[in-house]
N, C-alpha and C. Protein backbone atom coordinates (compact mmCIF):
# COMPACT_ATOMS: atom_id res chain seq x y z
N ASN A 1 106.12 122.52 113.42
CA ASN A 1 105.57 121.50 114.41
C ASN A 1 106.69 120.87 115.29
N LEU A 2 107.92 120.71 114.96
CA LEU A 2 108.84 120.09 115.93
C LEU A 2 109.05 121.17 117.30
N ASN A 3 109.03 122.38 116.93
CA ASN A 3 108.98 123.41 117.94
C ASN A 3 107.95 123.36 118.88
N ASP A 4 106.58 122.89 118.47
CA ASP A 4 105.41 122.90 119.37
C ASP A 4 105.64 122.60 120.62
N ASP A 5 105.23 123.69 121.66
CA ASP A 5 105.29 123.11 123.20
C ASP A 5 103.90 122.02 123.34
N LYS A 6 102.96 121.94 122.48
CA LYS A 6 101.96 120.97 123.05
C LYS A 6 102.52 119.63 122.76
N PRO A 7 101.96 118.76 123.87
CA PRO A 7 102.33 117.33 123.71
C PRO A 7 101.82 116.95 122.34
N LEU A 8 102.47 115.68 121.85
CA LEU A 8 101.94 115.06 120.76
C LEU A 8 100.47 114.36 121.01
N SER A 9 99.81 114.60 120.03
CA SER A 9 98.41 114.11 120.19
C SER A 9 98.65 112.63 119.92
N ARG A 10 97.45 111.93 120.34
CA ARG A 10 97.61 110.41 120.12
C ARG A 10 97.69 110.02 118.68
N GLU A 11 97.04 110.82 117.88
CA GLU A 11 97.08 110.62 116.43
C GLU A 11 98.52 110.68 115.81
N ALA A 12 99.03 111.82 116.35
CA ALA A 12 100.42 112.01 115.99
C ALA A 12 101.36 110.98 116.39
N SER A 13 101.21 110.58 117.71
CA SER A 13 101.97 109.50 118.17
C SER A 13 102.01 108.51 117.35
N GLU A 14 100.74 108.02 116.92
CA GLU A 14 100.47 106.80 116.40
C GLU A 14 101.45 106.95 115.00
N SER A 15 101.10 107.89 114.41
CA SER A 15 101.62 108.14 113.11
C SER A 15 103.14 107.94 113.18
N SER A 16 103.72 108.57 114.18
CA SER A 16 105.37 108.29 114.12
C SER A 16 105.63 107.01 114.38
N HIS A 17 105.04 106.38 115.15
CA HIS A 17 105.18 104.88 115.51
C HIS A 17 105.08 104.11 114.04
N VAL A 18 104.21 104.38 113.15
CA VAL A 18 103.80 103.64 112.11
C VAL A 18 105.06 103.97 111.10
N LEU A 19 105.35 105.20 111.10
CA LEU A 19 106.65 105.56 110.13
C LEU A 19 107.88 104.70 110.69
N ILE A 20 108.16 104.76 112.08
CA ILE A 20 109.34 103.94 112.41
C ILE A 20 109.00 102.49 112.09
N LEU A 21 107.92 101.91 112.29
CA LEU A 21 107.80 100.56 111.61
C LEU A 21 108.10 100.47 110.26
N ASP A 22 107.83 101.45 109.66
CA ASP A 22 107.95 101.37 107.94
C ASP A 22 109.40 101.43 107.69
N SER A 23 110.22 101.95 108.46
CA SER A 23 111.70 102.14 108.23
C SER A 23 112.46 101.14 108.76
N LEU A 24 111.85 100.14 109.50
CA LEU A 24 112.69 99.11 110.09
C LEU A 24 113.13 98.08 108.99
N PRO A 25 114.34 97.44 109.16
CA PRO A 25 114.38 96.14 108.40
C PRO A 25 113.53 94.92 108.81
N ASP A 26 113.33 94.21 107.96
CA ASP A 26 112.31 92.96 108.08
C ASP A 26 112.66 92.20 109.11
N ILE A 27 113.92 91.87 109.46
CA ILE A 27 114.30 91.17 110.65
C ILE A 27 114.08 91.94 112.04
N LEU A 28 114.43 92.91 112.09
CA LEU A 28 114.09 93.83 113.26
C LEU A 28 112.39 93.88 113.52
N THR A 29 111.84 94.03 112.48
CA THR A 29 110.40 94.10 112.67
C THR A 29 109.85 92.96 113.23
N GLY A 30 110.32 91.80 112.67
CA GLY A 30 109.97 90.40 113.29
C GLY A 30 110.23 90.26 114.63
N ARG A 31 111.53 90.83 115.07
CA ARG A 31 111.90 90.64 116.33
C ARG A 31 111.18 91.37 117.26
N LEU A 32 110.73 92.52 116.85
CA LEU A 32 110.03 93.53 117.82
C LEU A 32 108.43 93.49 117.79
N ILE A 33 108.01 92.83 116.77
CA ILE A 33 106.58 92.62 116.69
C ILE A 33 105.73 92.16 117.65
N GLY A 34 106.29 91.21 118.49
CA GLY A 34 105.34 90.61 119.77
C GLY A 34 105.21 91.75 120.67
N CYS A 35 106.60 92.57 120.92
CA CYS A 35 106.47 93.38 122.07
C CYS A 35 105.50 94.82 121.40
N ALA A 36 105.63 94.94 120.23
CA ALA A 36 104.93 96.09 119.68
C ALA A 36 103.52 95.95 119.75
N VAL A 37 103.07 94.66 119.59
CA VAL A 37 101.56 94.37 119.42
C VAL A 37 101.07 94.47 121.00
N ARG A 38 101.86 94.07 121.98
CA ARG A 38 101.29 94.10 123.32
C ARG A 38 101.24 95.77 123.74
N CYS A 39 102.33 96.58 123.27
CA CYS A 39 102.43 97.99 123.54
C CYS A 39 101.13 98.74 123.08
N THR A 40 101.00 98.37 121.64
CA THR A 40 100.02 99.29 120.87
C THR A 40 98.60 98.66 120.37
N ASP A 41 98.18 97.48 121.31
CA ASP A 41 97.07 96.82 120.72
C ASP A 41 95.70 97.72 120.98
N ARG A 42 95.73 98.66 121.49
CA ARG A 42 94.70 99.64 121.71
C ARG A 42 94.66 100.75 120.87
N SER A 43 95.65 100.96 120.22
CA SER A 43 95.69 102.21 119.17
C SER A 43 95.54 101.71 117.64
N GLY A 44 94.29 101.99 117.18
CA GLY A 44 93.87 101.74 115.95
C GLY A 44 95.00 101.43 114.72
N SER A 45 95.48 102.70 114.55
CA SER A 45 96.18 102.74 113.23
C SER A 45 97.74 101.90 113.46
N VAL A 46 98.20 101.92 114.50
CA VAL A 46 99.39 101.17 114.81
C VAL A 46 99.02 99.72 114.69
N TYR A 47 97.91 99.27 115.52
CA TYR A 47 97.28 97.96 115.52
C TYR A 47 97.15 97.45 114.09
N GLU A 48 96.67 98.37 113.13
CA GLU A 48 96.29 97.98 111.82
C GLU A 48 97.76 97.51 111.08
N LYS A 49 98.68 98.40 111.30
CA LYS A 49 99.83 98.13 110.56
C LYS A 49 100.60 97.09 110.86
N LEU A 50 100.50 96.86 112.44
CA LEU A 50 101.18 95.39 112.81
C LEU A 50 100.42 94.28 112.62
N SER A 51 99.01 94.21 112.56
CA SER A 51 98.27 93.19 111.96
C SER A 51 98.62 92.95 110.62
N TRP A 52 98.90 93.86 109.84
CA TRP A 52 99.34 93.63 108.23
C TRP A 52 100.58 92.92 108.14
N LEU A 53 101.55 93.44 108.86
CA LEU A 53 102.98 92.77 109.08
C LEU A 53 102.79 91.44 109.44
N ILE A 54 102.14 91.20 110.42
CA ILE A 54 101.96 89.80 110.94
C ILE A 54 101.23 88.87 109.83
N GLY A 55 100.14 89.47 109.26
CA GLY A 55 99.48 88.78 108.51
C GLY A 55 100.42 88.45 107.12
N ALA A 56 101.38 89.35 106.80
CA ALA A 56 102.07 89.01 105.69
C ALA A 56 103.15 87.85 105.82
N ASP A 57 103.50 87.79 107.08
CA ASP A 57 104.44 86.66 107.69
C ASP A 57 103.94 85.15 107.58
N GLN A 58 102.57 85.34 107.88
CA GLN A 58 101.86 83.84 108.09
C GLN A 58 101.21 83.48 106.90
């Protein structure tokens, strides 16, 4: 799949972003969360993950 010439589908792109968020240290995730929400608030899976992270902090 890494050598596939097709552009990433929206679903694949969202999954990659969620994996990146999962791998971030908590402090970095907290610092990035505001920007990340603004950038991804229309993509369901990413938004759900970010909402869960925000909810866990509140």
